[in-house]
């Protein structure tokens, strides 16, 4: 992986931790398999000890010997030399769920923030579930209403940690009926793709190519070719009109070209053709 940014494993929450653990196994595989050095960052949760212990147990059960946890309850800890050392030693780093604003509030602009980006650029795998998924993008959803029609007022946005450009990520997507709020987000940021990731489902992103794994699906909302929007004239609590929005539903086995904004219906076949042409 030297000279190439590491993969991102972005999980829609509620990943399997008791059965086959396919998503977490894939995460570990990308980071060195049984030789992986996993660092679990619990900054998003208010229960870091309990959540950290759960992930240590899961990763050890699937064969990882070197698993450590790291929590930040104040910004001073995110500037400590010991924290930087833990990041430098890891081959894969996983963010747990909780509150994505805690991640940006406690890590943003710190030495840990810089070390995480440096690690990713040198090939370390970064993963995150739920809040740890939302924070991956440069602009993130921090709150919003579910199971409702799109309106500007139903979604709150904030800067993310900027590991993935050009996307807005929502999680627990089908299970919590979040299509309306993702549409509201991309209506306000049409240059971003909206990624709605179901539970126990993940996207693996490498070199601007997305692959879907897991038991659910990923909904990709593309407002780049919208032909009409009333965003500039409605009040925040009024309904949005959006014409020409593209919606792609991608289960496991599919993928997406993020730069070209094109779906890949058969990822393995696409990958085979790409290898033959290279």
Protein backbone atom coordinates (compact mmCIF):
# COMPACT_ATOMS: atom_id res chain seq x y z
CA UNK A 1 0.00 0.00 0.00
CA UNK A 2 3.04 2.30 0.09
CA UNK A 3 2.39 5.51 -1.80
CA UNK A 4 -1.35 4.87 -2.03
CA UNK A 5 -4.04 5.96 0.40
CA UNK A 6 -5.50 3.11 2.38
CA UNK A 7 -9.02 1.76 1.92
CA UNK A 8 -11.97 3.23 3.76
CA UNK A 9 -14.47 0.77 5.23
CA UNK A 10 -17.61 2.77 5.94
CA UNK A 11 -20.29 0.82 7.82
CA UNK A 12 -23.97 1.68 8.14
CA UNK A 13 -24.11 0.63 11.79
CA UNK A 14 -25.21 -2.52 13.64
CA UNK A 15 -22.56 -4.65 11.93
CA UNK A 16 -22.61 -8.34 12.82
CA UNK A 17 -20.41 -8.97 15.86
CA UNK A 18 -21.62 -12.42 16.90
CA UNK A 19 -21.92 -14.48 13.70
CA UNK A 20 -19.64 -14.56 10.67
CA UNK A 21 -18.61 -10.91 11.24
CA UNK A 22 -18.04 -10.56 7.50
CA UNK A 23 -17.58 -6.80 7.47
CA UNK A 24 -15.15 -6.74 10.38
CA UNK A 25 -13.26 -9.69 8.89
CA UNK A 26 -12.93 -7.79 5.60
CA UNK A 27 -11.69 -4.74 7.50
CA UNK A 28 -9.02 -6.83 9.24
CA UNK A 29 -8.09 -8.62 6.01
CA UNK A 30 -7.40 -5.28 4.33
CA UNK A 31 -5.16 -4.30 7.25
CA UNK A 32 -2.96 -7.40 7.34
CA UNK A 33 -5.20 -10.28 8.42
CA UNK A 34 -3.99 -12.07 11.53
CA UNK A 35 -0.94 -9.82 11.53
CA UNK A 36 -3.10 -6.70 11.64
CA UNK A 37 -2.59 -4.20 14.44
CA UNK A 38 -6.07 -2.85 15.15
CA UNK A 39 -6.70 0.41 16.97
CA UNK A 40 -10.31 1.01 18.05
CA UNK A 41 -11.09 4.69 18.63
CA UNK A 42 -14.07 5.15 20.95
CA UNK A 43 -14.20 8.95 21.00
CA UNK A 44 -17.78 9.05 19.59
CA UNK A 45 -19.33 7.16 22.51
CA UNK A 46 -19.99 8.15 26.11
CA UNK A 47 -19.35 4.52 27.11
CA UNK A 48 -15.78 4.05 25.88
CA UNK A 49 -14.83 1.27 28.30
CA UNK A 50 -17.83 -0.92 27.49
CA UNK A 51 -17.75 -0.29 23.74
CA UNK A 52 -13.99 -0.73 23.58
CA UNK A 53 -14.17 -4.04 25.44
CA UNK A 54 -16.84 -5.30 23.04
CA UNK A 55 -14.69 -4.60 19.99
CA UNK A 56 -11.57 -6.06 21.59
CA UNK A 57 -13.51 -9.28 22.16
CA UNK A 58 -14.84 -9.35 18.58
CA UNK A 59 -11.50 -8.69 16.90
CA UNK A 60 -9.71 -11.22 19.10
CA UNK A 61 -12.39 -13.80 18.35
CA UNK A 62 -11.84 -13.41 14.61
CA UNK A 63 -8.12 -13.96 15.04
CA UNK A 64 -6.45 -10.58 15.66
CA UNK A 65 -3.85 -10.72 18.43
CA UNK A 66 -2.94 -7.04 18.60
CA UNK A 67 -6.07 -5.00 19.42
CA UNK A 68 -5.95 -1.76 21.37
CA UNK A 69 -8.44 0.97 22.22
CA UNK A 70 -8.00 4.70 22.39
CA UNK A 71 -10.43 7.21 23.84
CA UNK A 72 -10.40 11.00 23.97
CA UNK A 73 -12.49 12.80 26.57
CA UNK A 74 -10.74 16.17 26.15
CA UNK A 75 -8.65 17.78 23.42
CA UNK A 76 -5.42 17.66 25.41
CA UNK A 77 -5.43 13.88 25.06
CA UNK A 78 -5.65 14.25 21.27
CA UNK A 79 -2.32 16.08 21.28
CA UNK A 80 -0.41 13.59 23.42
CA UNK A 81 2.68 11.87 22.03
CA UNK A 82 1.38 8.49 23.23
CA UNK A 83 -1.75 8.89 21.08
CA UNK A 84 0.32 9.65 17.99
CA UNK A 85 2.46 6.59 18.65
CA UNK A 86 -0.61 4.33 18.81
CA UNK A 87 -1.79 5.62 15.44
CA UNK A 88 1.65 5.21 13.88
CA UNK A 89 1.82 1.58 15.02
CA UNK A 90 -1.66 0.58 13.75
CA UNK A 91 -2.33 -1.07 10.39
CA UNK A 92 -6.07 -0.50 10.64
CA UNK A 93 -8.05 2.02 12.69
CA UNK A 94 -11.75 1.68 13.51
CA UNK A 95 -14.12 4.38 14.79
CA UNK A 96 -17.09 3.18 16.83
CA UNK A 97 -20.60 4.63 16.82
CA UNK A 98 -21.98 7.32 19.07
CA UNK A 99 -22.15 11.02 18.27
CA UNK A 100 -20.23 12.22 15.22
CA UNK A 101 -19.99 15.76 16.62
CA UNK A 102 -17.92 14.40 19.51
CA UNK A 103 -15.39 13.14 16.97
CA UNK A 104 -14.94 16.46 15.20
CA UNK A 105 -15.15 18.48 18.43
CA UNK A 106 -12.49 16.47 20.23
CA UNK A 107 -10.20 15.53 17.33
CA UNK A 108 -10.56 18.26 14.72
CA UNK A 109 -7.33 20.20 14.20
CA UNK A 110 -5.36 18.19 16.78
CA UNK A 111 -2.16 16.19 16.35
CA UNK A 112 -4.30 13.03 16.29
CA UNK A 113 -6.30 14.49 13.39
CA UNK A 114 -3.09 15.13 11.44
CA UNK A 115 -1.70 11.69 12.35
CA UNK A 116 -4.87 9.96 11.15
CA UNK A 117 -4.68 11.68 7.76
CA UNK A 118 -1.00 10.88 7.48
CA UNK A 119 -1.68 7.23 8.36
CA UNK A 120 -4.44 7.02 5.76
CA UNK A 121 -2.19 8.54 3.08
CA UNK A 122 0.53 5.97 3.73
CA UNK A 123 -1.91 3.07 3.34
CA UNK A 124 -3.46 2.40 6.75
CA UNK A 125 -7.07 1.15 6.59
CA UNK A 126 -9.64 3.43 8.20
CA UNK A 127 -13.05 2.09 9.19
CA UNK A 128 -16.03 3.50 10.99
CA UNK A 129 -19.55 2.49 11.90
CA UNK A 130 -22.65 4.66 12.41
CA UNK A 131 -21.27 7.98 13.73
CA UNK A 132 -17.84 6.71 12.71
CA UNK A 133 -19.22 6.42 9.18
CA UNK A 134 -20.88 9.84 9.01
CA UNK A 135 -17.70 11.66 10.03
CA UNK A 136 -15.70 10.21 7.12
CA UNK A 137 -16.90 12.84 4.65
CA UNK A 138 -15.90 16.49 4.35
CA UNK A 139 -19.51 17.53 5.05
CA UNK A 140 -21.49 15.35 7.43
CA UNK A 141 -25.05 14.93 8.65
CA UNK A 142 -25.14 15.49 12.40
CA UNK A 143 -28.87 15.27 13.07
CA UNK A 144 -32.21 15.17 11.31
CA UNK A 145 -35.74 13.86 11.17
CA UNK A 146 -36.47 10.46 9.63
CA UNK A 147 -39.50 9.04 7.85
CA UNK A 148 -40.59 12.36 6.38
CA UNK A 149 -40.56 14.20 3.07
CA UNK A 150 -37.56 16.37 2.14
CA UNK A 151 -37.48 19.84 3.71
CA UNK A 152 -34.47 22.06 4.42
CA UNK A 153 -35.22 22.04 8.15
CA UNK A 154 -35.06 18.26 8.65
CA UNK A 155 -31.29 17.92 8.35
CA UNK A 156 -28.40 19.59 10.20
CA UNK A 157 -24.98 19.61 8.55
CA UNK A 158 -21.45 20.29 9.79
CA UNK A 159 -17.85 19.79 8.64
CA UNK A 160 -16.62 16.20 8.87
CA UNK A 161 -13.13 14.72 9.20
CA UNK A 162 -12.47 14.87 5.43
CA UNK A 163 -11.30 11.34 4.67
CA UNK A 164 -13.75 11.08 1.75
CA UNK A 165 -14.40 14.05 -0.51
CA UNK A 166 -17.51 14.66 -2.56
CA UNK A 167 -19.96 12.62 -0.48
CA UNK A 168 -22.47 12.99 2.34
CA UNK A 169 -23.00 9.80 4.33
CA UNK A 170 -26.07 8.64 6.24
CA UNK A 171 -26.29 5.37 8.18
CA UNK A 172 -28.95 2.99 9.58
CA UNK A 173 -30.50 4.09 6.31
CA UNK A 174 -33.39 1.78 5.34
CA UNK A 175 -34.00 0.74 8.94
CA UNK A 176 -34.69 4.32 10.08
CA UNK A 177 -36.30 5.69 6.92
CA UNK A 178 -33.70 8.36 6.20
CA UNK A 179 -34.19 8.91 2.45
CA UNK A 180 -35.98 12.23 3.03
CA UNK A 181 -33.16 13.72 5.06
CA UNK A 182 -30.48 12.51 2.62
CA UNK A 183 -32.41 14.11 -0.24
CA UNK A 184 -32.60 17.30 1.81
CA UNK A 185 -28.83 17.17 2.33
CA UNK A 186 -27.89 16.70 -1.33
CA UNK A 187 -30.44 19.32 -2.40
CA UNK A 188 -28.38 21.80 -0.38
CA UNK A 189 -25.04 20.27 -1.48
CA UNK A 190 -25.72 19.01 -5.03
CA UNK A 191 -22.00 18.71 -5.78
CA UNK A 192 -21.91 15.88 -3.19
CA UNK A 193 -23.19 12.35 -3.73
CA UNK A 194 -25.46 11.08 -0.97
CA UNK A 195 -24.52 7.63 0.38
CA UNK A 196 -27.25 5.97 2.44
CA UNK A 197 -25.82 2.81 4.01
CA UNK A 198 -28.04 0.15 5.57
CA UNK A 199 -27.23 -1.67 8.79
CA UNK A 200 -24.73 -4.55 8.62
CA UNK A 201 -23.68 -3.13 5.25
CA UNK A 202 -20.52 -1.32 4.26
CA UNK A 203 -18.77 0.35 1.37
CA UNK A 204 -15.09 -0.25 0.76
CA UNK A 205 -13.62 2.78 -1.00
CA UNK A 206 -10.27 2.64 -2.77
CA UNK A 207 -8.98 5.04 -5.41
CA UNK A 208 -12.44 6.65 -5.84
CA UNK A 209 -14.07 3.25 -6.47
CA UNK A 210 -16.75 2.01 -4.09
CA UNK A 211 -17.63 -1.64 -3.46
CA UNK A 212 -20.70 -2.77 -1.49
CA UNK A 213 -20.48 -5.62 1.04
CA UNK A 214 -22.92 -6.90 3.66
CA UNK A 215 -26.52 -8.00 3.92
CA UNK A 216 -28.29 -4.73 3.07
CA UNK A 217 -27.89 -2.16 0.33
CA UNK A 218 -26.41 1.25 -0.34
CA UNK A 219 -28.63 4.00 -1.74
CA UNK A 220 -26.72 6.56 -3.79
CA UNK A 221 -28.49 9.86 -4.36
CA UNK A 222 -27.09 12.01 -7.18
CA UNK A 223 -28.48 15.54 -7.50
CA UNK A 224 -25.84 16.62 -9.99
CA UNK A 225 -28.30 16.55 -12.90
CA UNK A 226 -31.28 18.06 -11.12
CA UNK A 227 -33.46 19.91 -13.64
CA UNK A 228 -35.52 21.80 -11.08
CA UNK A 229 -35.31 22.68 -7.40
CA UNK A 230 -37.30 25.17 -5.35
CA UNK A 231 -34.62 25.34 -2.65
CA UNK A 232 -34.00 29.05 -3.26
CA UNK A 233 -37.61 30.06 -2.58
CA UNK A 234 -39.01 27.77 0.13
CA UNK A 235 -38.90 28.38 3.86
CA UNK A 236 -36.91 25.94 5.95
CA UNK A 237 -40.02 24.06 7.08
CA UNK A 238 -41.64 23.88 3.62
CA UNK A 239 -41.45 20.89 1.26
CA UNK A 240 -38.74 20.64 -1.35
CA UNK A 241 -39.44 20.06 -5.03
CA UNK A 242 -36.65 18.15 -6.77
CA UNK A 243 -36.78 16.98 -10.39
CA UNK A 244 -34.19 14.83 -12.10
CA UNK A 245 -32.58 13.30 -9.01
CA UNK A 246 -30.90 9.96 -9.71
CA UNK A 247 -31.24 7.12 -7.19
CA UNK A 248 -29.09 3.99 -7.39
CA UNK A 249 -29.79 0.96 -5.17
CA UNK A 250 -26.69 -1.17 -4.81
CA UNK A 251 -26.59 -4.46 -2.86
CA UNK A 252 -23.52 -6.62 -2.31
CA UNK A 253 -21.75 -7.42 -5.56
CA UNK A 254 -22.26 -3.93 -6.95
CA UNK A 255 -20.02 -0.91 -6.94
CA UNK A 256 -19.81 2.73 -7.97
CA UNK A 257 -17.31 5.02 -9.68
CA UNK A 258 -17.37 8.10 -7.49
CA UNK A 259 -15.59 10.45 -9.87
CA UNK A 260 -17.62 9.40 -12.92
CA UNK A 261 -20.85 9.07 -10.91
CA UNK A 262 -21.57 5.72 -12.56
CA UNK A 263 -22.81 2.47 -10.97
CA UNK A 264 -21.01 -0.85 -11.42
CA UNK A 265 -23.74 -3.55 -11.58
CA UNK A 266 -21.23 -6.44 -11.38
CA UNK A 267 -18.17 -5.45 -9.40
CA UNK A 268 -16.20 -8.68 -9.87
CA UNK A 269 -16.69 -8.61 -13.63
CA UNK A 270 -15.66 -4.93 -13.74
CA UNK A 271 -12.58 -5.67 -11.65
CA UNK A 272 -11.63 -8.59 -13.93
CA UNK A 273 -11.89 -6.42 -17.04
CA UNK A 274 -9.85 -3.69 -15.35
CA UNK A 275 -7.08 -6.17 -14.46
CA UNK A 276 -6.99 -7.51 -18.02
CA UNK A 277 -6.65 -4.01 -19.45
CA UNK A 278 -3.87 -2.92 -17.08
